[in-house]
Amino acid sequence: MIGLEPTTVAKAGSYMAQFLGLSWPRDREEVLSKINDFRDLTYTDPNLTLFDNVTECIAVSSYRMGCLSGQCGVDPCDDNFFQGFVLPEHLISISAAWESKRPLNIRTRWRETQQGLSEQERGDRVSVTETSTLVPTERPMLHSGRLKMFASRPEDTGKEVLLDVVIEGNVHRRISFKLQFDQWVESKETIVSIDYVSLPADRVGTVTLAEATDLRILSVYEPWEDVPNYRLFRLSSRCPSGFILLQGVRRFREVAYDHELVEIGSRTVLRHAAEHLRYGIGTVETADNQKSANAYASMIGAIRGLMNRSRGEAKQDPHPFAGRQVSPSNILPGYRRR
């Protein structure tokens, strides 16, 4: 589930500010902190945990194992390679995995919930094993070559990205990229593998890392990724389709910009959330604590009402005779018990 009537940070902030006793955008940072506190509740509160379940279609890649003979082959079918995948940065863990029989090559399948996928789109469950390796890219380098980097925002021009790499001759070296907005910057060295990536902490936009020869993308780094390390999983058996469906737990990430998504946009929920956070944190007053508890209960009730509506479980009008005892004198002739 992506959200329940979601909204943007700007809209949520301008509405919640009045119930927090603040002003938007004057007190933007404080209001933004409360918005993230509210969002964190929807991910971690045991009464809710709304948005932690996600199913995604992942392309399987071939990964090179340690070179036993000193010469690594390039054929993904030889013994030096295994099929596997990297857990996306926004997922914490895996709940289940299936082979995808009808994969989509576009990203519209991403972030679909389990309920949005028919059984015909799933194949057999597959067995996966987590390796002891953390890798710095979402896709592996299978061939030696130069690398390119691309910055998506002008504010990141001139910022430096550091990579620890292995170049030809099995030499370890640290190289750097000076980012340029809307331009590819290419390395001078021929690189065999990447050990480590360090991105500037004050980045504003995404940074794309790709192989220079065919611009095969290795990773798209989000602004909050400073030192990316991805968990690598190995498939115990071959996956002929080349795609698997992962059901996993989504990671909570704070929002920072006005256009970013707040998962619940209901004004009722936002009002109760603001009142709960205003009176419930950093206060010892009994009256304030009671206000916070009341607002929390109202917030939970309003969210559950939204959940029922979105799942088709809204309460229906009861049958007019439900729960009533019928008087024997009102029973039609011929229907009396004997």
C-alpha atoms as a PDB file:
ATOM      1  CA  MET A   1       0.000   0.000   0.000  1.00  0.00           C
ATOM      2  CA  ILE A   2       1.407   3.384  -1.039  1.00  0.00           C
ATOM      3  CA  GLY A   3      -0.944   5.620   0.883  1.00  0.00           C
ATOM      4  CA  LEU A   4      -4.453   6.440   2.003  1.00  0.00           C
ATOM      5  CA  GLU A   5      -5.591   9.535   0.117  1.00  0.00           C
ATOM      6  CA  PRO A   6      -1.960  10.804   0.078  1.00  0.00           C
ATOM      7  CA  THR A   7      -0.947  14.448  -0.170  1.00  0.00           C
ATOM      8  CA  THR A   8       2.236  16.521  -0.431  1.00  0.00           C
ATOM      9  CA  VAL A   9       4.458  17.920   2.302  1.00  0.00           C
ATOM     10  CA  ALA A  10       3.426  21.470   1.390  1.00  0.00           C
ATOM     11  CA  LYS A  11      -0.296  20.768   1.740  1.00  0.00           C
ATOM     12  CA  ALA A  12       0.070  18.684   4.905  1.00  0.00           C
ATOM     13  CA  GLY A  13       2.368  21.260   6.487  1.00  0.00           C
ATOM     14  CA  SER A  14       0.115  24.234   5.777  1.00  0.00           C
ATOM     15  CA  TYR A  15      -2.858  22.411   7.327  1.00  0.00           C
ATOM     16  CA  MET A  16      -1.121  20.838  10.357  1.00  0.00           C
ATOM     17  CA  ALA A  17       0.680  24.054  11.336  1.00  0.00           C
ATOM     18  CA  GLN A  18      -2.471  25.712  12.719  1.00  0.00           C
ATOM     19  CA  PHE A  19      -3.115  22.768  15.077  1.00  0.00           C
ATOM     20  CA  LEU A  20       0.531  22.695  16.139  1.00  0.00           C
ATOM     21  CA  GLY A  21       0.417  26.349  17.151  1.00  0.00           C
ATOM     22  CA  LEU A  22       2.895  27.175  14.395  1.00  0.00           C
ATOM     23  CA  SER A  23       2.904  29.016  11.087  1.00  0.00           C
ATOM     24  CA  TRP A  24       3.694  27.654   7.630  1.00  0.00           C
ATOM     25  CA  PRO A  25       6.104  28.330   6.007  1.00  0.00           C
ATOM     26  CA  ARG A  26       7.722  30.468   8.744  1.00  0.00           C
ATOM     27  CA  ASP A  27       8.143  27.453  11.072  1.00  0.00           C
ATOM     28  CA  ARG A  28       8.748  25.017   8.226  1.00  0.00           C
ATOM     29  CA  GLU A  29      11.521  22.972   9.863  1.00  0.00           C
ATOM     30  CA  GLU A  30       9.537  22.369  13.061  1.00  0.00           C
ATOM     31  CA  VAL A  31       6.363  21.483  11.153  1.00  0.00           C
ATOM     32  CA  LEU A  32       8.364  19.177   8.856  1.00  0.00           C
ATOM     33  CA  SER A  33       9.748  17.386  11.917  1.00  0.00           C
ATOM     34  CA  LYS A  34       6.193  16.777  13.161  1.00  0.00           C
ATOM     35  CA  ILE A  35       5.143  15.487   9.727  1.00  0.00           C
ATOM     36  CA  ASN A  36       7.977  12.940   9.812  1.00  0.00           C
ATOM     37  CA  ASP A  37       7.046  11.976  13.396  1.00  0.00           C
ATOM     38  CA  PHE A  38       3.489  11.319  12.186  1.00  0.00           C
ATOM     39  CA  ARG A  39       4.703   9.314   9.181  1.00  0.00           C
ATOM     40  CA  ASP A  40       7.003   7.283  11.421  1.00  0.00           C
ATOM     41  CA  LEU A  41       3.955   6.332  13.509  1.00  0.00           C
ATOM     42  CA  THR A  42       2.195   4.927  10.443  1.00  0.00           C
ATOM     43  CA  TYR A  43       5.216   2.685   9.773  1.00  0.00           C
ATOM     44  CA  THR A  44       6.066   1.557  13.318  1.00  0.00           C
ATOM     45  CA  ASP A  45       2.989   1.869  15.551  1.00  0.00           C
ATOM     46  CA  PRO A  46       1.758  -1.709  16.282  1.00  0.00           C
ATOM     47  CA  ASN A  47      -1.813  -0.472  15.917  1.00  0.00           C
ATOM     48  CA  LEU A  48      -1.114   0.549  12.323  1.00  0.00           C
ATOM     49  CA  THR A  49       2.041  -0.494  10.379  1.00  0.00           C
ATOM     50  CA  LEU A  50       0.262   0.454   7.191  1.00  0.00           C
ATOM     51  CA  PHE A  51       2.948   0.910   4.603  1.00  0.00           C
ATOM     52  CA  ASP A  52       5.635  -1.595   5.534  1.00  0.00           C
ATOM     53  CA  ASN A  53       4.512  -4.299   3.049  1.00  0.00           C
ATOM     54  CA  VAL A  54       5.474  -3.970  -0.619  1.00  0.00           C
ATOM     55  CA  THR A  55       5.846  -6.333  -3.582  1.00  0.00           C
ATOM     56  CA  GLU A  56       8.242  -5.518  -6.394  1.00  0.00           C
ATOM     57  CA  CYS A  57       9.459  -7.037  -9.634  1.00  0.00           C
ATOM     58  CA  ILE A  58      13.258  -7.413  -9.606  1.00  0.00           C
ATOM     59  CA  ALA A  59      15.498  -8.350 -12.527  1.00  0.00           C
ATOM     60  CA  VAL A  60      17.906 -11.183 -11.739  1.00  0.00           C
ATOM     61  CA  SER A  61      21.588 -10.531 -12.470  1.00  0.00           C
ATOM     62  CA  SER A  62      24.666 -12.730 -12.818  1.00  0.00           C
ATOM     63  CA  TYR A  63      27.348 -12.211 -10.158  1.00  0.00           C
ATOM     64  CA  ARG A  64      30.953 -13.316 -10.383  1.00  0.00           C
ATOM     65  CA  MET A  65      32.271 -15.511  -7.615  1.00  0.00           C
ATOM     66  CA  GLY A  66      35.849 -15.590  -6.411  1.00  0.00           C
ATOM     67  CA  CYS A  67      38.264 -16.560  -9.174  1.00  0.00           C
ATOM     68  CA  LEU A  68      39.406 -20.079  -8.332  1.00  0.00           C
ATOM     69  CA  SER A  69      41.656 -20.471 -11.348  1.00  0.00           C
ATOM     70  CA  GLY A  70      42.968 -16.929 -11.452  1.00  0.00           C
ATOM     71  CA  GLN A  71      41.089 -16.236 -14.677  1.00  0.00           C
ATOM     72  CA  CYS A  72      37.444 -15.156 -14.387  1.00  0.00           C
ATOM     73  CA  GLY A  73      35.274 -16.007 -17.350  1.00  0.00           C
ATOM     74  CA  VAL A  74      32.696 -13.683 -18.863  1.00  0.00           C
ATOM     75  CA  ASP A  75      30.058 -16.283 -19.678  1.00  0.00           C
ATOM     76  CA  PRO A  76      27.202 -16.038 -17.100  1.00  0.00           C
ATOM     77  CA  CYS A  77      26.548 -19.753 -17.551  1.00  0.00           C
ATOM     78  CA  ASP A  78      29.994 -20.895 -16.440  1.00  0.00           C
ATOM     79  CA  ASP A  79      30.916 -21.975 -12.924  1.00  0.00           C
ATOM     80  CA  ASN A  80      32.343 -18.589 -11.949  1.00  0.00           C
ATOM     81  CA  PHE A  81      28.888 -16.983 -11.917  1.00  0.00           C
ATOM     82  CA  PHE A  82      25.671 -17.330  -9.949  1.00  0.00           C
ATOM     83  CA  GLN A  83      22.234 -15.791 -10.326  1.00  0.00           C
ATOM     84  CA  GLY A  84      21.235 -13.298  -7.678  1.00  0.00           C
ATOM     85  CA  PHE A  85      19.832  -9.886  -6.916  1.00  0.00           C
ATOM     86  CA  VAL A  86      20.423  -6.896  -4.669  1.00  0.00           C
ATOM     87  CA  LEU A  87      17.782  -5.889  -2.143  1.00  0.00           C
ATOM     88  CA  PRO A  88      16.591  -2.380  -3.109  1.00  0.00           C
ATOM     89  CA  GLU A  89      17.617   0.358  -0.705  1.00  0.00           C
ATOM     90  CA  HIS A  90      14.036   1.141   0.321  1.00  0.00           C
ATOM     91  CA  LEU A  91      13.399  -2.466   1.533  1.00  0.00           C
ATOM     92  CA  ILE A  92      14.611  -3.687   4.923  1.00  0.00           C
ATOM     93  CA  SER A  93      13.930  -7.409   4.556  1.00  0.00           C
ATOM     94  CA  ILE A  94      12.274 -10.078   2.400  1.00  0.00           C
ATOM     95  CA  SER A  95       9.074 -11.887   3.390  1.00  0.00           C
ATOM     96  CA  ALA A  96       8.675 -14.107   0.310  1.00  0.00           C
ATOM     97  CA  ALA A  97       9.953 -14.525  -3.248  1.00  0.00           C
ATOM     98  CA  TRP A  98       8.416 -15.981  -6.402  1.00  0.00           C
ATOM     99  CA  GLU A  99       9.577 -16.366  -9.971  1.00  0.00           C
ATOM    100  CA  SER A 100       7.756 -13.796 -12.085  1.00  0.00           C
ATOM    101  CA  LYS A 101       6.082 -15.452 -15.078  1.00  0.00           C
ATOM    102  CA  ARG A 102       4.861 -12.244 -16.680  1.00  0.00           C
ATOM    103  CA  PRO A 103       7.452  -9.575 -15.919  1.00  0.00           C
ATOM    104  CA  LEU A 104       7.110  -5.969 -17.038  1.00  0.00           C
ATOM    105  CA  ASN A 105      10.159  -4.206 -18.346  1.00  0.00           C
ATOM    106  CA  ILE A 106       8.866  -0.808 -17.250  1.00  0.00           C
ATOM    107  CA  ARG A 107       8.793   0.528 -13.724  1.00  0.00           C
ATOM    108  CA  THR A 108       5.022   0.702 -13.343  1.00  0.00           C
ATOM    109  CA  ARG A 109       5.148  -2.681 -11.575  1.00  0.00           C
ATOM    110  CA  TRP A 110       7.316  -1.207  -8.847  1.00  0.00           C
ATOM    111  CA  ARG A 111       5.730  -0.501  -5.487  1.00  0.00           C
ATOM    112  CA  GLU A 112       2.606  -2.506  -6.271  1.00  0.00           C
ATOM    113  CA  THR A 113       1.095  -4.168  -3.238  1.00  0.00           C
ATOM    114  CA  GLN A 114       0.647  -7.899  -2.950  1.00  0.00           C
ATOM    115  CA  GLN A 115      -3.085  -7.528  -3.363  1.00  0.00           C
ATOM    116  CA  GLY A 116      -2.563  -5.858  -6.748  1.00  0.00           C
ATOM    117  CA  LEU A 117      -0.944  -8.921  -8.328  1.00  0.00           C
ATOM    118  CA  SER A 118      -2.978 -11.853  -9.587  1.00  0.00           C
ATOM    119  CA  GLU A 119      -1.894 -15.418  -8.918  1.00  0.00           C
ATOM    120  CA  GLN A 120      -1.348 -15.895 -12.664  1.00  0.00           C
ATOM    121  CA  GLU A 121       1.442 -13.331 -12.522  1.00  0.00           C
ATOM    122  CA  ARG A 122       3.325 -15.319  -9.882  1.00  0.00           C
ATOM    123  CA  GLY A 123       5.311 -18.437 -10.507  1.00  0.00           C
ATOM    124  CA  ASP A 124       6.728 -20.965  -8.098  1.00  0.00           C
ATOM    125  CA  ARG A 125       8.304 -19.811  -4.859  1.00  0.00           C
ATOM    126  CA  VAL A 126      12.061 -19.603  -5.102  1.00  0.00           C
ATOM    127  CA  SER A 127      14.683 -20.222  -2.452  1.00  0.00           C
ATOM    128  CA  VAL A 128      17.109 -17.365  -1.807  1.00  0.00           C
ATOM    129  CA  THR A 129      20.141 -17.186   0.456  1.00  0.00           C
ATOM    130  CA  GLU A 130      21.721 -13.987   1.708  1.00  0.00           C
ATOM    131  CA  THR A 131      25.449 -13.803   1.059  1.00  0.00           C
ATOM    132  CA  SER A 132      27.981 -12.259   3.410  1.00  0.00           C
ATOM    133  CA  THR A 133      28.764  -9.598   0.821  1.00  0.00           C
ATOM    134  CA  LEU A 134      27.574  -5.992   0.834  1.00  0.00           C
ATOM    135  CA  VAL A 135      27.843  -4.400  -2.599  1.00  0.00           C
ATOM    136  CA  PRO A 136      27.936  -0.667  -3.506  1.00  0.00           C
ATOM    137  CA  THR A 137      25.839  -0.915  -6.695  1.00  0.00           C
ATOM    138  CA  GLU A 138      22.402  -2.266  -7.487  1.00  0.00           C
ATOM    139  CA  ARG A 139      23.672  -4.092 -10.589  1.00  0.00           C
ATOM    140  CA  PRO A 140      27.081  -5.737 -10.985  1.00  0.00           C
ATOM    141  CA  MET A 141      29.912  -4.919 -13.373  1.00  0.00           C
ATOM    142  CA  LEU A 142      30.477  -7.953 -15.554  1.00  0.00           C
ATOM    143  CA  HIS A 143      33.122  -6.433 -17.798  1.00  0.00           C
ATOM    144  CA  SER A 144      36.078  -4.137 -17.273  1.00  0.00           C
ATOM    145  CA  GLY A 145      35.659  -0.619 -18.561  1.00  0.00           C
ATOM    146  CA  ARG A 146      35.283   3.047 -17.738  1.00  0.00           C
ATOM    147  CA  LEU A 147      32.473   4.476 -15.627  1.00  0.00           C
ATOM    148  CA  LYS A 148      30.291   7.558 -15.974  1.00  0.00           C
ATOM    149  CA  MET A 149      28.329   9.625 -13.454  1.00  0.00           C
ATOM    150  CA  PHE A 150      25.364  11.946 -13.971  1.00  0.00           C
ATOM    151  CA  ALA A 151      23.897  14.561 -11.598  1.00  0.00           C
ATOM    152  CA  SER A 152      20.185  15.371 -11.791  1.00  0.00           C
ATOM    153  CA  ARG A 153      20.224  18.730  -9.963  1.00  0.00           C
ATOM    154  CA  PRO A 154      22.244  21.928 -10.664  1.00  0.00           C
ATOM    155  CA  GLU A 155      22.913  22.375  -6.936  1.00  0.00           C
ATOM    156  CA  ASP A 156      25.183  19.302  -7.044  1.00  0.00           C
ATOM    157  CA  THR A 157      27.539  20.679  -9.713  1.00  0.00           C
ATOM    158  CA  GLY A 158      31.156  20.529  -8.561  1.00  0.00           C
ATOM    159  CA  LYS A 159      30.533  18.143  -5.667  1.00  0.00           C
ATOM    160  CA  GLU A 160      32.925  15.207  -5.393  1.00  0.00           C
ATOM    161  CA  VAL A 161      32.115  11.488  -5.398  1.00  0.00           C
ATOM    162  CA  LEU A 162      34.814   9.040  -4.256  1.00  0.00           C
ATOM    163  CA  LEU A 163      35.126   5.430  -5.425  1.00  0.00           C
ATOM    164  CA  ASP A 164      37.512   2.737  -4.223  1.00  0.00           C
ATOM    165  CA  VAL A 165      38.027   0.509  -7.254  1.00  0.00           C
ATOM    166  CA  VAL A 166      40.186  -2.251  -8.656  1.00  0.00           C
ATOM    167  CA  ILE A 167      41.840  -1.366 -11.976  1.00  0.00           C
ATOM    168  CA  GLU A 168      43.702  -3.533 -14.463  1.00  0.00           C
ATOM    169  CA  GLY A 169      46.569  -5.454 -12.911  1.00  0.00           C
ATOM    170  CA  ASN A 170      44.561  -6.045  -9.725  1.00  0.00           C
ATOM    171  CA  VAL A 171      45.615  -2.620  -8.392  1.00  0.00           C
ATOM    172  CA  HIS A 172      43.440  -0.943  -5.787  1.00  0.00           C
ATOM    173  CA  ARG A 173      42.941   2.775  -6.304  1.00  0.00           C
ATOM    174  CA  ARG A 174      40.719   5.639  -5.151  1.00  0.00           C
ATOM    175  CA  ILE A 175      39.228   7.749  -7.931  1.00  0.00           C
ATOM    176  CA  SER A 176      36.923  10.748  -7.858  1.00  0.00           C
ATOM    177  CA  PHE A 177      34.204  12.310 -10.007  1.00  0.00           C
ATOM    178  CA  LYS A 178      33.368  16.023 -10.097  1.00  0.00           C
ATOM    179  CA  LEU A 179      29.614  16.029 -10.682  1.00  0.00           C
ATOM    180  CA  GLN A 180      28.122  18.095 -13.486  1.00  0.00           C
ATOM    181  CA  PHE A 181      24.432  18.893 -13.825  1.00  0.00           C
ATOM    182  CA  ASP A 182      22.762  17.203 -16.805  1.00  0.00           C
ATOM    183  CA  GLN A 183      26.098  15.884 -18.086  1.00  0.00           C
ATOM    184  CA  TRP A 184      27.937  12.580 -17.959  1.00  0.00           C
ATOM    185  CA  VAL A 185      31.400  12.703 -16.360  1.00  0.00           C
ATOM    186  CA  GLU A 186      33.697   9.828 -17.385  1.00  0.00           C
ATOM    187  CA  SER A 187      36.547   8.187 -15.478  1.00  0.00           C
ATOM    188  CA  LYS A 188      40.025   8.024 -17.006  1.00  0.00           C
ATOM    189  CA  GLU A 189      40.852   4.573 -15.625  1.00  0.00           C
ATOM    190  CA  THR A 190      39.687   1.196 -16.877  1.00  0.00           C
ATOM    191  CA  ILE A 191      37.910  -0.304 -13.875  1.00  0.00           C
ATOM    192  CA  VAL A 192      37.534  -4.013 -13.104  1.00  0.00           C
ATOM    193  CA  SER A 193      35.334  -3.808  -9.979  1.00  0.00           C
ATOM    194  CA  ILE A 194      33.977  -1.326  -7.419  1.00  0.00           C
ATOM    195  CA  ASP A 195      34.654  -1.817  -3.706  1.00  0.00           C
ATOM    196  CA  TYR A 196      33.259   1.352  -2.170  1.00  0.00           C
ATOM    197  CA  VAL A 197      31.268   4.464  -3.090  1.00  0.00           C
ATOM    198  CA  SER A 198      31.139   7.656  -0.999  1.00  0.00           C
ATOM    199  CA  LEU A 199      28.685  10.379  -2.026  1.00  0.00           C
ATOM    200  CA  PRO A 200      28.587  13.998  -0.761  1.00  0.00           C
ATOM    201  CA  ALA A 201      26.307  14.330   2.245  1.00  0.00           C
ATOM    202  CA  ASP A 202      24.882  17.662   1.102  1.00  0.00           C
ATOM    203  CA  ARG A 203      23.522  16.339  -2.196  1.00  0.00           C
ATOM    204  CA  VAL A 204      20.143  17.596  -3.360  1.00  0.00           C
ATOM    205  CA  GLY A 205      19.292  15.243  -6.242  1.00  0.00           C
ATOM    206  CA  THR A 206      19.957  11.731  -7.478  1.00  0.00           C
ATOM    207  CA  VAL A 207      23.281  10.582  -8.927  1.00  0.00           C
ATOM    208  CA  THR A 208      23.447   7.903 -11.619  1.00  0.00           C
ATOM    209  CA  LEU A 209      26.421   5.557 -12.026  1.00  0.00           C
ATOM    210  CA  ALA A 210      26.732   3.722 -15.354  1.00  0.00           C
ATOM    211  CA  GLU A 211      29.193   1.824 -17.534  1.00  0.00           C
ATOM    212  CA  ALA A 212      30.629   4.164 -20.146  1.00  0.00           C
ATOM    213  CA  THR A 213      30.518   1.789 -23.117  1.00  0.00           C
ATOM    214  CA  ASP A 214      26.759   1.313 -23.397  1.00  0.00           C
ATOM    215  CA  LEU A 215      25.501   3.486 -20.501  1.00  0.00           C
ATOM    216  CA  ARG A 216      24.304   0.368 -18.693  1.00  0.00           C
ATOM    217  CA  ILE A 217      23.108   1.777 -15.367  1.00  0.00           C
ATOM    218  CA  LEU A 218      24.661   0.253 -12.255  1.00  0.00           C
ATOM    219  CA  SER A 219      22.866   2.390  -9.631  1.00  0.00           C
ATOM    220  CA  VAL A 220      20.709   5.446  -9.160  1.00  0.00           C
ATOM    221  CA  TYR A 221      21.646   6.872  -5.763  1.00  0.00           C
ATOM    222  CA  GLU A 222      18.983   8.774  -3.820  1.00  0.00           C
ATOM    223  CA  PRO A 223      19.902  11.989  -1.945  1.00  0.00           C
ATOM    224  CA  TRP A 224      19.900  10.260   1.461  1.00  0.00           C
ATOM    225  CA  GLU A 225      22.421   7.590   0.405  1.00  0.00           C
ATOM    226  CA  ASP A 226      25.889   8.682   1.545  1.00  0.00           C
ATOM    227  CA  VAL A 227      27.748   5.358   1.626  1.00  0.00           C
ATOM    228  CA  PRO A 228      25.552   2.857  -0.270  1.00  0.00           C
ATOM    229  CA  ASN A 229      25.771  -0.791   0.735  1.00  0.00           C
ATOM    230  CA  TYR A 230      23.241  -3.255  -0.621  1.00  0.00           C
ATOM    231  CA  ARG A 231      22.514  -6.767   0.626  1.00  0.00           C
ATOM    232  CA  LEU A 232      23.231  -9.430  -1.993  1.00  0.00           C
ATOM    233  CA  PHE A 233      21.030 -12.544  -2.261  1.00  0.00           C
ATOM    234  CA  ARG A 234      21.785 -15.711  -4.211  1.00  0.00           C
ATOM    235  CA  LEU A 235      19.168 -17.883  -5.911  1.00  0.00           C
ATOM    236  CA  SER A 236      19.455 -21.552  -4.984  1.00  0.00           C
ATOM    237  CA  SER A 237      18.160 -22.610  -8.401  1.00  0.00           C
ATOM    238  CA  ARG A 238      18.135 -21.020 -11.856  1.00  0.00           C
ATOM    239  CA  CYS A 239      15.369 -18.556 -12.728  1.00  0.00           C
ATOM    240  CA  PRO A 240      14.557 -19.047 -16.439  1.00  0.00           C
ATOM    241  CA  SER A 241      12.321 -15.975 -16.696  1.00  0.00           C
ATOM    242  CA  GLY A 242      15.033 -13.688 -15.346  1.00  0.00           C
ATOM    243  CA  PHE A 243      12.624 -11.879 -12.998  1.00  0.00           C
ATOM    244  CA  ILE A 244      11.410 -12.517  -9.472  1.00  0.00           C
ATOM    245  CA  LEU A 245       8.695 -10.983  -7.331  1.00  0.00           C
ATOM    246  CA  LEU A 246       9.789  -9.928  -3.853  1.00  0.00           C
ATOM    247  CA  GLN A 247       7.441  -9.313  -0.965  1.00  0.00           C
ATOM    248  CA  GLY A 248       9.257  -7.318   1.671  1.00  0.00           C
ATOM    249  CA  VAL A 249       9.169  -4.704   4.393  1.00  0.00           C
ATOM    250  CA  ARG A 250       9.639  -1.115   3.243  1.00  0.00           C
ATOM    251  CA  ARG A 251      12.115   1.162   4.979  1.00  0.00           C
ATOM    252  CA  PHE A 252      10.938   4.447   6.509  1.00  0.00           C
ATOM    253  CA  ARG A 253      12.566   7.517   5.013  1.00  0.00           C
ATOM    254  CA  GLU A 254      12.061  11.099   6.110  1.00  0.00           C
ATOM    255  CA  VAL A 255      10.661  13.614   3.646  1.00  0.00           C
ATOM    256  CA  ALA A 256      12.298  17.007   3.159  1.00  0.00           C
ATOM    257  CA  TYR A 257      10.869  18.770   0.124  1.00  0.00           C
ATOM    258  CA  ASP A 258       7.474  20.361  -0.500  1.00  0.00           C
ATOM    259  CA  HIS A 259       6.634  18.047  -3.417  1.00  0.00           C
ATOM    260  CA  GLU A 260       7.349  14.795  -1.550  1.00  0.00           C
ATOM    261  CA  LEU A 261       4.577  12.414  -0.560  1.00  0.00           C
ATOM    262  CA  VAL A 262       2.835  12.184   2.804  1.00  0.00           C
ATOM    263  CA  GLU A 263       1.086   8.826   2.827  1.00  0.00           C
ATOM    264  CA  ILE A 264      -2.124   9.975   4.546  1.00  0.00           C
ATOM    265  CA  GLY A 265      -3.721  13.220   3.434  1.00  0.00           C
ATOM    266  CA  SER A 266      -7.047  13.102   5.282  1.00  0.00           C
ATOM    267  CA  ARG A 267      -7.592  16.447   7.015  1.00  0.00           C
ATOM    268  CA  THR A 268      -9.244  14.687   9.954  1.00  0.00           C
ATOM    269  CA  VAL A 269      -6.270  12.388  10.453  1.00  0.00           C
ATOM    270  CA  LEU A 270      -3.754  15.222  10.060  1.00  0.00           C
ATOM    271  CA  ARG A 271      -5.605  17.372  12.589  1.00  0.00           C
ATOM    272  CA  HIS A 272      -5.694  14.631  15.236  1.00  0.00           C
ATOM    273  CA  ALA A 273      -2.052  13.745  14.505  1.00  0.00           C
ATOM    274  CA  ALA A 274      -0.988  17.379  15.002  1.00  0.00           C
ATOM    275  CA  GLU A 275      -2.864  17.616  18.305  1.00  0.00           C
ATOM    276  CA  HIS A 276      -1.371  14.314  19.502  1.00  0.00           C
ATOM    277  CA  LEU A 277       2.176  15.445  18.680  1.00  0.00           C
ATOM    278  CA  ARG A 278       1.657  18.958  20.055  1.00  0.00           C
ATOM    279  CA  TYR A 279       0.498  17.890  23.511  1.00  0.00           C
ATOM    280  CA  GLY A 280       2.125  14.486  23.884  1.00  0.00           C
ATOM    281  CA  ILE A 281       5.850  15.142  23.504  1.00  0.00           C
ATOM    282  CA  GLY A 282       7.957  16.894  26.137  1.00  0.00           C
ATOM    283  CA  THR A 283       5.108  17.676  28.538  1.00  0.00           C
ATOM    284  CA  VAL A 284       4.329  16.491  32.064  1.00  0.00           C
ATOM    285  CA  GLU A 285       0.968  18.221  32.410  1.00  0.00           C
ATOM    286  CA  THR A 286      -1.819  15.712  33.046  1.00  0.00           C
ATOM    287  CA  ALA A 287      -4.325  17.740  31.033  1.00  0.00           C
ATOM    288  CA  ASP A 288      -1.984  17.875  28.026  1.00  0.00           C
ATOM    289  CA  ASN A 289      -1.271  14.168  28.270  1.00  0.00           C
ATOM    290  CA  GLN A 290      -4.999  13.477  28.248  1.00  0.00           C
ATOM    291  CA  LYS A 291      -5.469  15.713  25.196  1.00  0.00           C
ATOM    292  CA  SER A 292      -2.695  13.817  23.455  1.00  0.00           C
ATOM    293  CA  ALA A 293      -4.214  10.423  24.334  1.00  0.00           C
ATOM    294  CA  ASN A 294      -7.646  11.514  23.101  1.00  0.00           C
ATOM    295  CA  ALA A 295      -6.193  12.858  19.862  1.00  0.00           C
ATOM    296  CA  TYR A 296      -4.214   9.635  19.350  1.00  0.00           C
ATOM    297  CA  ALA A 297      -7.335   7.502  19.781  1.00  0.00           C
ATOM    298  CA  SER A 298      -9.224   9.737  17.334  1.00  0.00           C
ATOM    299  CA  MET A 299      -6.339   9.519  14.851  1.00  0.00           C
ATOM    300  CA  ILE A 300      -6.269   5.707  15.018  1.00  0.00           C
ATOM    301  CA  GLY A 301     -10.045   5.540  14.586  1.00  0.00           C
ATOM    302  CA  ALA A 302      -9.974   7.873  11.577  1.00  0.00           C
ATOM    303  CA  ILE A 303      -7.145   5.893   9.921  1.00  0.00           C
ATOM    304  CA  ARG A 304      -8.990   2.611  10.424  1.00  0.00           C
ATOM    305  CA  GLY A 305     -12.051   4.202   8.861  1.00  0.00           C
ATOM    306  CA  LEU A 306      -9.954   5.097   5.807  1.00  0.00           C
ATOM    307  CA  MET A 307      -8.566   1.559   5.700  1.00  0.00           C
ATOM    308  CA  ASN A 308     -12.062   0.063   5.761  1.00  0.00           C
ATOM    309  CA  ARG A 309     -13.188   2.336   2.950  1.00  0.00           C
ATOM    310  CA  SER A 310     -10.170   1.525   0.807  1.00  0.00           C
ATOM    311  CA  ARG A 311     -10.587  -2.224   1.347  1.00  0.00           C
ATOM    312  CA  GLY A 312     -14.351  -2.344   0.806  1.00  0.00           C
ATOM    313  CA  GLU A 313     -15.003  -3.204   4.433  1.00  0.00           C
ATOM    314  CA  ALA A 314     -17.106  -0.187   5.390  1.00  0.00           C
ATOM    315  CA  LYS A 315     -19.969  -0.993   7.721  1.00  0.00           C
ATOM    316  CA  GLN A 316     -23.272  -1.569   5.987  1.00  0.00           C
ATOM    317  CA  ASP A 317     -26.733  -0.805   7.300  1.00  0.00           C
ATOM    318  CA  PRO A 318     -27.901  -3.786   9.360  1.00  0.00           C
ATOM    319  CA  HIS A 319     -30.808  -5.927   8.290  1.00  0.00           C
ATOM    320  CA  PRO A 320     -33.986  -4.368   9.763  1.00  0.00           C
ATOM    321  CA  PHE A 321     -34.737  -7.564  11.712  1.00  0.00           C
ATOM    322  CA  ALA A 322     -31.133  -8.310  12.767  1.00  0.00           C
ATOM    323  CA  GLY A 323     -30.918  -9.066  16.480  1.00  0.00           C
ATOM    324  CA  ARG A 324     -34.672  -8.803  17.047  1.00  0.00           C
ATOM    325  CA  GLN A 325     -36.682 -11.544  18.633  1.00  0.00           C
ATOM    326  CA  VAL A 326     -39.859 -12.254  16.673  1.00  0.00           C
ATOM    327  CA  SER A 327     -42.980 -12.512  18.817  1.00  0.00           C
ATOM    328  CA  PRO A 328     -44.885 -15.775  18.325  1.00  0.00           C
ATOM    329  CA  SER A 329     -48.047 -13.761  17.819  1.00  0.00           C
ATOM    330  CA  ASN A 330     -46.510 -12.120  14.730  1.00  0.00           C
ATOM    331  CA  ILE A 331     -45.594 -15.357  12.980  1.00  0.00           C
ATOM    332  CA  LEU A 332     -47.649 -15.972   9.881  1.00  0.00           C
ATOM    333  CA  PRO A 333     -50.176 -18.808   9.982  1.00  0.00           C
ATOM    334  CA  GLY A 334     -48.726 -22.139   8.863  1.00  0.00           C
ATOM    335  CA  TYR A 335     -45.223 -21.247  10.088  1.00  0.00           C
ATOM    336  CA  ARG A 336     -45.716 -21.919  13.787  1.00  0.00           C
ATOM    337  CA  ARG A 337     -43.470 -24.472  15.376  1.00  0.00           C
ATOM    338  CA  ARG A 338     -45.202 -27.668  16.262  1.00  0.00           C
END
